[in-house]
């Protein structure tokens, strides 16, 4: 067994990424504190051809050295928009026909393994603050909540880990088997 070289990986250029068909999924970051978490979500969004990231509230915005440290260039490929509040982002998404889901443990939440995404549907997923989760204001506006099943003591994941799990699970059925 050997590692594949960079040439063998078939990496897209920035121009090829911009022109590629995206998954109609938007990641909404609701008052994320850590620049490393923000950079990680950019990198994950690039990996899975996510349409865009909405940065809300006091979530840090590119360009910044600490975001770039984990994004590894993904701030140049993934589109992003700033909103003063996540509620404003949700209103805009709904106006544009997106179904919006909080990634949160709530009454009536859908367990991630039971969530089915039709690629023809435009969706957005809201990831909350590292301590407080998705704000109560936003929970009142979303179409539902998706919960990552967990069996341990903590029942809590870092936002960058949660984003990786959720975004992968949502788009995995769209990945070509020709890789």
C-alpha atoms as a PDB file:
ATOM      1  CA  UNK A   1       0.000   0.000   0.000  1.00  0.00           C
ATOM      2  CA  UNK A   2       1.202   3.504  -0.817  1.00  0.00           C
ATOM      3  CA  UNK A   3      -0.180   6.994  -0.414  1.00  0.00           C
ATOM      4  CA  UNK A   4      -1.497   8.675  -3.532  1.00  0.00           C
ATOM      5  CA  UNK A   5       0.484  11.638  -4.840  1.00  0.00           C
ATOM      6  CA  UNK A   6      -1.073  15.074  -5.146  1.00  0.00           C
ATOM      7  CA  UNK A   7      -1.280  14.595  -8.922  1.00  0.00           C
ATOM      8  CA  UNK A   8      -3.178  11.310  -8.475  1.00  0.00           C
ATOM      9  CA  UNK A   9      -5.771  12.899  -6.167  1.00  0.00           C
ATOM     10  CA  UNK A  10      -7.341  14.932  -8.964  1.00  0.00           C
ATOM     11  CA  UNK A  11      -7.581  18.139  -6.941  1.00  0.00           C
ATOM     12  CA  UNK A  12      -9.576  20.959  -8.488  1.00  0.00           C
ATOM     13  CA  UNK A  13      -8.082  24.367  -9.127  1.00  0.00           C
ATOM     14  CA  UNK A  14      -9.872  27.347  -7.587  1.00  0.00           C
ATOM     15  CA  UNK A  15     -11.471  28.040 -10.976  1.00  0.00           C
ATOM     16  CA  UNK A  16     -12.587  24.403 -11.380  1.00  0.00           C
ATOM     17  CA  UNK A  17     -14.036  24.426  -7.859  1.00  0.00           C
ATOM     18  CA  UNK A  18     -15.961  27.649  -8.548  1.00  0.00           C
ATOM     19  CA  UNK A  19     -17.409  26.145 -11.742  1.00  0.00           C
ATOM     20  CA  UNK A  20     -18.229  22.721 -10.243  1.00  0.00           C
ATOM     21  CA  UNK A  21     -21.836  21.824  -9.507  1.00  0.00           C
ATOM     22  CA  UNK A  22     -22.359  22.295  -5.771  1.00  0.00           C
ATOM     23  CA  UNK A  23     -24.536  20.403  -3.363  1.00  0.00           C
ATOM     24  CA  UNK A  24     -27.459  22.689  -2.549  1.00  0.00           C
ATOM     25  CA  UNK A  25     -26.544  22.753   1.129  1.00  0.00           C
ATOM     26  CA  UNK A  26     -25.631  25.851   3.121  1.00  0.00           C
ATOM     27  CA  UNK A  27     -23.878  25.708   6.487  1.00  0.00           C
ATOM     28  CA  UNK A  28     -24.990  28.456   8.885  1.00  0.00           C
ATOM     29  CA  UNK A  29     -22.639  29.264  11.773  1.00  0.00           C
ATOM     30  CA  UNK A  30     -24.531  30.827  14.695  1.00  0.00           C
ATOM     31  CA  UNK A  31     -22.123  32.821  16.915  1.00  0.00           C
ATOM     32  CA  UNK A  32     -19.132  30.485  16.676  1.00  0.00           C
ATOM     33  CA  UNK A  33     -16.248  31.749  18.824  1.00  0.00           C
ATOM     34  CA  UNK A  34     -13.276  29.766  17.565  1.00  0.00           C
ATOM     35  CA  UNK A  35     -11.499  30.799  14.388  1.00  0.00           C
ATOM     36  CA  UNK A  36     -10.132  27.257  14.154  1.00  0.00           C
ATOM     37  CA  UNK A  37     -13.689  25.874  14.137  1.00  0.00           C
ATOM     38  CA  UNK A  38     -14.662  28.341  11.399  1.00  0.00           C
ATOM     39  CA  UNK A  39     -11.624  27.370   9.321  1.00  0.00           C
ATOM     40  CA  UNK A  40     -12.416  23.706   9.778  1.00  0.00           C
ATOM     41  CA  UNK A  41     -15.991  24.197   8.523  1.00  0.00           C
ATOM     42  CA  UNK A  42     -14.600  25.972   5.448  1.00  0.00           C
ATOM     43  CA  UNK A  43     -12.283  23.037   4.770  1.00  0.00           C
ATOM     44  CA  UNK A  44     -15.081  20.484   5.229  1.00  0.00           C
ATOM     45  CA  UNK A  45     -17.412  22.545   3.014  1.00  0.00           C
ATOM     46  CA  UNK A  46     -14.781  22.570   0.286  1.00  0.00           C
ATOM     47  CA  UNK A  47     -14.314  18.793   0.592  1.00  0.00           C
ATOM     48  CA  UNK A  48     -18.023  18.120   0.071  1.00  0.00           C
ATOM     49  CA  UNK A  49     -18.796  20.884  -2.489  1.00  0.00           C
ATOM     50  CA  UNK A  50     -21.138  22.722  -0.126  1.00  0.00           C
ATOM     51  CA  UNK A  51     -22.833  25.699  -1.772  1.00  0.00           C
ATOM     52  CA  UNK A  52     -21.901  28.335   0.832  1.00  0.00           C
ATOM     53  CA  UNK A  53     -21.347  29.205   4.467  1.00  0.00           C
ATOM     54  CA  UNK A  54     -23.322  31.901   6.261  1.00  0.00           C
ATOM     55  CA  UNK A  55     -21.292  33.471   9.071  1.00  0.00           C
ATOM     56  CA  UNK A  56     -23.565  35.021  11.680  1.00  0.00           C
ATOM     57  CA  UNK A  57     -23.261  37.254  14.710  1.00  0.00           C
ATOM     58  CA  UNK A  58     -19.779  37.347  16.193  1.00  0.00           C
ATOM     59  CA  UNK A  59     -18.562  34.384  14.132  1.00  0.00           C
ATOM     60  CA  UNK A  60     -15.113  35.400  12.819  1.00  0.00           C
ATOM     61  CA  UNK A  61     -14.800  36.188   9.113  1.00  0.00           C
ATOM     62  CA  UNK A  62     -11.967  35.683   6.629  1.00  0.00           C
ATOM     63  CA  UNK A  63      -9.388  36.843   5.977  1.00  0.00           C
ATOM     64  CA  UNK A  64      -7.671  35.950   9.219  1.00  0.00           C
ATOM     65  CA  UNK A  65      -4.491  34.003   9.904  1.00  0.00           C
ATOM     66  CA  UNK A  66      -6.154  31.713  12.485  1.00  0.00           C
ATOM     67  CA  UNK A  67      -9.052  30.851  10.139  1.00  0.00           C
ATOM     68  CA  UNK A  68      -6.625  30.193   7.290  1.00  0.00           C
ATOM     69  CA  UNK A  69      -4.525  27.915   9.506  1.00  0.00           C
ATOM     70  CA  UNK A  70      -7.271  25.263   9.490  1.00  0.00           C
ATOM     71  CA  UNK A  71      -9.070  26.233   6.260  1.00  0.00           C
ATOM     72  CA  UNK A  72      -5.918  25.582   4.187  1.00  0.00           C
ATOM     73  CA  UNK A  73      -7.140  27.743   1.302  1.00  0.00           C
ATOM     74  CA  UNK A  74     -10.838  26.831   1.467  1.00  0.00           C
ATOM     75  CA  UNK A  75     -11.746  30.466   2.188  1.00  0.00           C
ATOM     76  CA  UNK A  76     -10.732  31.063  -1.447  1.00  0.00           C
ATOM     77  CA  UNK A  77     -13.041  28.363  -2.819  1.00  0.00           C
ATOM     78  CA  UNK A  78     -16.154  28.267  -0.631  1.00  0.00           C
ATOM     79  CA  UNK A  79     -18.539  31.216  -0.961  1.00  0.00           C
ATOM     80  CA  UNK A  80     -19.539  32.905   2.286  1.00  0.00           C
ATOM     81  CA  UNK A  81     -21.832  35.713   3.404  1.00  0.00           C
ATOM     82  CA  UNK A  82     -22.009  37.562   6.723  1.00  0.00           C
ATOM     83  CA  UNK A  83     -25.314  38.174   8.531  1.00  0.00           C
ATOM     84  CA  UNK A  84     -25.617  40.248  11.731  1.00  0.00           C
ATOM     85  CA  UNK A  85     -27.735  37.454  13.246  1.00  0.00           C
ATOM     86  CA  UNK A  86     -28.479  33.829  12.432  1.00  0.00           C
ATOM     87  CA  UNK A  87     -32.192  34.695  12.506  1.00  0.00           C
ATOM     88  CA  UNK A  88     -31.643  37.100   9.593  1.00  0.00           C
ATOM     89  CA  UNK A  89     -29.807  34.346   7.726  1.00  0.00           C
ATOM     90  CA  UNK A  90     -32.688  31.909   8.320  1.00  0.00           C
ATOM     91  CA  UNK A  91     -35.249  34.472   7.069  1.00  0.00           C
ATOM     92  CA  UNK A  92     -33.178  34.968   3.912  1.00  0.00           C
ATOM     93  CA  UNK A  93     -32.797  31.226   3.366  1.00  0.00           C
ATOM     94  CA  UNK A  94     -36.527  30.630   3.738  1.00  0.00           C
ATOM     95  CA  UNK A  95     -37.243  33.515   1.358  1.00  0.00           C
ATOM     96  CA  UNK A  96     -35.039  31.705  -1.192  1.00  0.00           C
ATOM     97  CA  UNK A  97     -36.857  28.384  -0.736  1.00  0.00           C
ATOM     98  CA  UNK A  98     -34.466  26.532   1.570  1.00  0.00           C
ATOM     99  CA  UNK A  99     -35.591  24.138   4.262  1.00  0.00           C
ATOM    100  CA  UNK A 100     -33.600  24.976   7.385  1.00  0.00           C
ATOM    101  CA  UNK A 101     -32.582  22.503  10.098  1.00  0.00           C
ATOM    102  CA  UNK A 102     -30.834  23.167  13.381  1.00  0.00           C
ATOM    103  CA  UNK A 103     -28.152  20.684  14.359  1.00  0.00           C
ATOM    104  CA  UNK A 104     -29.329  20.393  17.937  1.00  0.00           C
ATOM    105  CA  UNK A 105     -30.758  18.022  20.512  1.00  0.00           C
ATOM    106  CA  UNK A 106     -34.404  19.096  20.800  1.00  0.00           C
ATOM    107  CA  UNK A 107     -37.809  17.599  21.441  1.00  0.00           C
ATOM    108  CA  UNK A 108     -38.825  15.933  18.188  1.00  0.00           C
ATOM    109  CA  UNK A 109     -35.388  16.105  16.578  1.00  0.00           C
ATOM    110  CA  UNK A 110     -34.636  13.701  13.712  1.00  0.00           C
ATOM    111  CA  UNK A 111     -31.763  11.324  14.363  1.00  0.00           C
ATOM    112  CA  UNK A 112     -29.142  11.932  11.658  1.00  0.00           C
ATOM    113  CA  UNK A 113     -29.211   8.358  10.353  1.00  0.00           C
ATOM    114  CA  UNK A 114     -32.964   8.764   9.665  1.00  0.00           C
ATOM    115  CA  UNK A 115     -32.637  12.102   7.886  1.00  0.00           C
ATOM    116  CA  UNK A 116     -33.007  11.756   4.122  1.00  0.00           C
ATOM    117  CA  UNK A 117     -32.021  14.551   1.776  1.00  0.00           C
ATOM    118  CA  UNK A 118     -33.367  14.744  -1.738  1.00  0.00           C
ATOM    119  CA  UNK A 119     -30.628  16.437  -3.789  1.00  0.00           C
ATOM    120  CA  UNK A 120     -33.305  18.461  -5.590  1.00  0.00           C
ATOM    121  CA  UNK A 121     -34.196  20.103  -2.270  1.00  0.00           C
ATOM    122  CA  UNK A 122     -32.284  23.162  -1.078  1.00  0.00           C
ATOM    123  CA  UNK A 123     -31.394  22.858   2.597  1.00  0.00           C
ATOM    124  CA  UNK A 124     -29.425  24.713   5.217  1.00  0.00           C
ATOM    125  CA  UNK A 125     -28.054  23.370   8.483  1.00  0.00           C
ATOM    126  CA  UNK A 126     -27.427  25.641  11.464  1.00  0.00           C
ATOM    127  CA  UNK A 127     -24.502  24.884  13.764  1.00  0.00           C
ATOM    128  CA  UNK A 128     -24.595  26.647  17.130  1.00  0.00           C
ATOM    129  CA  UNK A 129     -22.223  28.251  19.545  1.00  0.00           C
ATOM    130  CA  UNK A 130     -19.657  26.029  21.242  1.00  0.00           C
ATOM    131  CA  UNK A 131     -21.264  26.488  24.683  1.00  0.00           C
ATOM    132  CA  UNK A 132     -24.911  27.428  24.116  1.00  0.00           C
ATOM    133  CA  UNK A 133     -25.690  25.619  20.861  1.00  0.00           C
ATOM    134  CA  UNK A 134     -28.208  26.992  18.367  1.00  0.00           C
ATOM    135  CA  UNK A 135     -29.946  30.059  19.793  1.00  0.00           C
ATOM    136  CA  UNK A 136     -33.535  29.790  21.017  1.00  0.00           C
ATOM    137  CA  UNK A 137     -34.494  32.555  18.583  1.00  0.00           C
ATOM    138  CA  UNK A 138     -33.284  30.457  15.639  1.00  0.00           C
ATOM    139  CA  UNK A 139     -34.893  27.258  16.970  1.00  0.00           C
ATOM    140  CA  UNK A 140     -38.274  28.999  16.692  1.00  0.00           C
ATOM    141  CA  UNK A 141     -37.659  29.672  12.980  1.00  0.00           C
ATOM    142  CA  UNK A 142     -36.252  26.400  11.628  1.00  0.00           C
ATOM    143  CA  UNK A 143     -38.182  23.626   9.894  1.00  0.00           C
ATOM    144  CA  UNK A 144     -36.792  20.992  12.258  1.00  0.00           C
ATOM    145  CA  UNK A 145     -33.771  19.746  14.143  1.00  0.00           C
ATOM    146  CA  UNK A 146     -31.304  17.014  13.318  1.00  0.00           C
ATOM    147  CA  UNK A 147     -29.520  15.257  16.161  1.00  0.00           C
ATOM    148  CA  UNK A 148     -26.274  13.309  15.910  1.00  0.00           C
ATOM    149  CA  UNK A 149     -26.828  10.058  17.840  1.00  0.00           C
ATOM    150  CA  UNK A 150     -24.315   9.647  20.648  1.00  0.00           C
ATOM    151  CA  UNK A 151     -23.871   6.905  23.224  1.00  0.00           C
ATOM    152  CA  UNK A 152     -21.217   8.262  25.573  1.00  0.00           C
ATOM    153  CA  UNK A 153     -21.404  10.430  28.659  1.00  0.00           C
ATOM    154  CA  UNK A 154     -20.923  13.864  27.067  1.00  0.00           C
ATOM    155  CA  UNK A 155     -23.610  13.953  24.346  1.00  0.00           C
ATOM    156  CA  UNK A 156     -21.763  16.915  22.909  1.00  0.00           C
ATOM    157  CA  UNK A 157     -19.383  17.329  19.977  1.00  0.00           C
ATOM    158  CA  UNK A 158     -17.096  20.143  18.898  1.00  0.00           C
ATOM    159  CA  UNK A 159     -18.813  22.182  16.190  1.00  0.00           C
ATOM    160  CA  UNK A 160     -16.140  21.341  13.608  1.00  0.00           C
ATOM    161  CA  UNK A 161     -16.579  17.621  14.297  1.00  0.00           C
ATOM    162  CA  UNK A 162     -20.374  17.935  14.185  1.00  0.00           C
ATOM    163  CA  UNK A 163     -20.149  19.804  10.867  1.00  0.00           C
ATOM    164  CA  UNK A 164     -17.932  17.096   9.403  1.00  0.00           C
ATOM    165  CA  UNK A 165     -20.305  14.339  10.457  1.00  0.00           C
ATOM    166  CA  UNK A 166     -23.498  16.095   9.347  1.00  0.00           C
ATOM    167  CA  UNK A 167     -22.236  17.478   6.042  1.00  0.00           C
ATOM    168  CA  UNK A 168     -20.715  14.115   5.093  1.00  0.00           C
ATOM    169  CA  UNK A 169     -23.887  12.240   5.972  1.00  0.00           C
ATOM    170  CA  UNK A 170     -26.068  14.653   4.003  1.00  0.00           C
ATOM    171  CA  UNK A 171     -23.991  14.521   0.798  1.00  0.00           C
ATOM    172  CA  UNK A 172     -22.608  10.963   0.934  1.00  0.00           C
ATOM    173  CA  UNK A 173     -25.314   9.534  -1.312  1.00  0.00           C
ATOM    174  CA  UNK A 174     -24.407  12.090  -3.995  1.00  0.00           C
ATOM    175  CA  UNK A 175     -20.742  11.054  -4.157  1.00  0.00           C
ATOM    176  CA  UNK A 176     -19.843   9.373  -7.408  1.00  0.00           C
ATOM    177  CA  UNK A 177     -18.708   5.771  -7.079  1.00  0.00           C
ATOM    178  CA  UNK A 178     -16.268   6.388  -9.955  1.00  0.00           C
ATOM    179  CA  UNK A 179     -13.593   7.805  -7.619  1.00  0.00           C
END
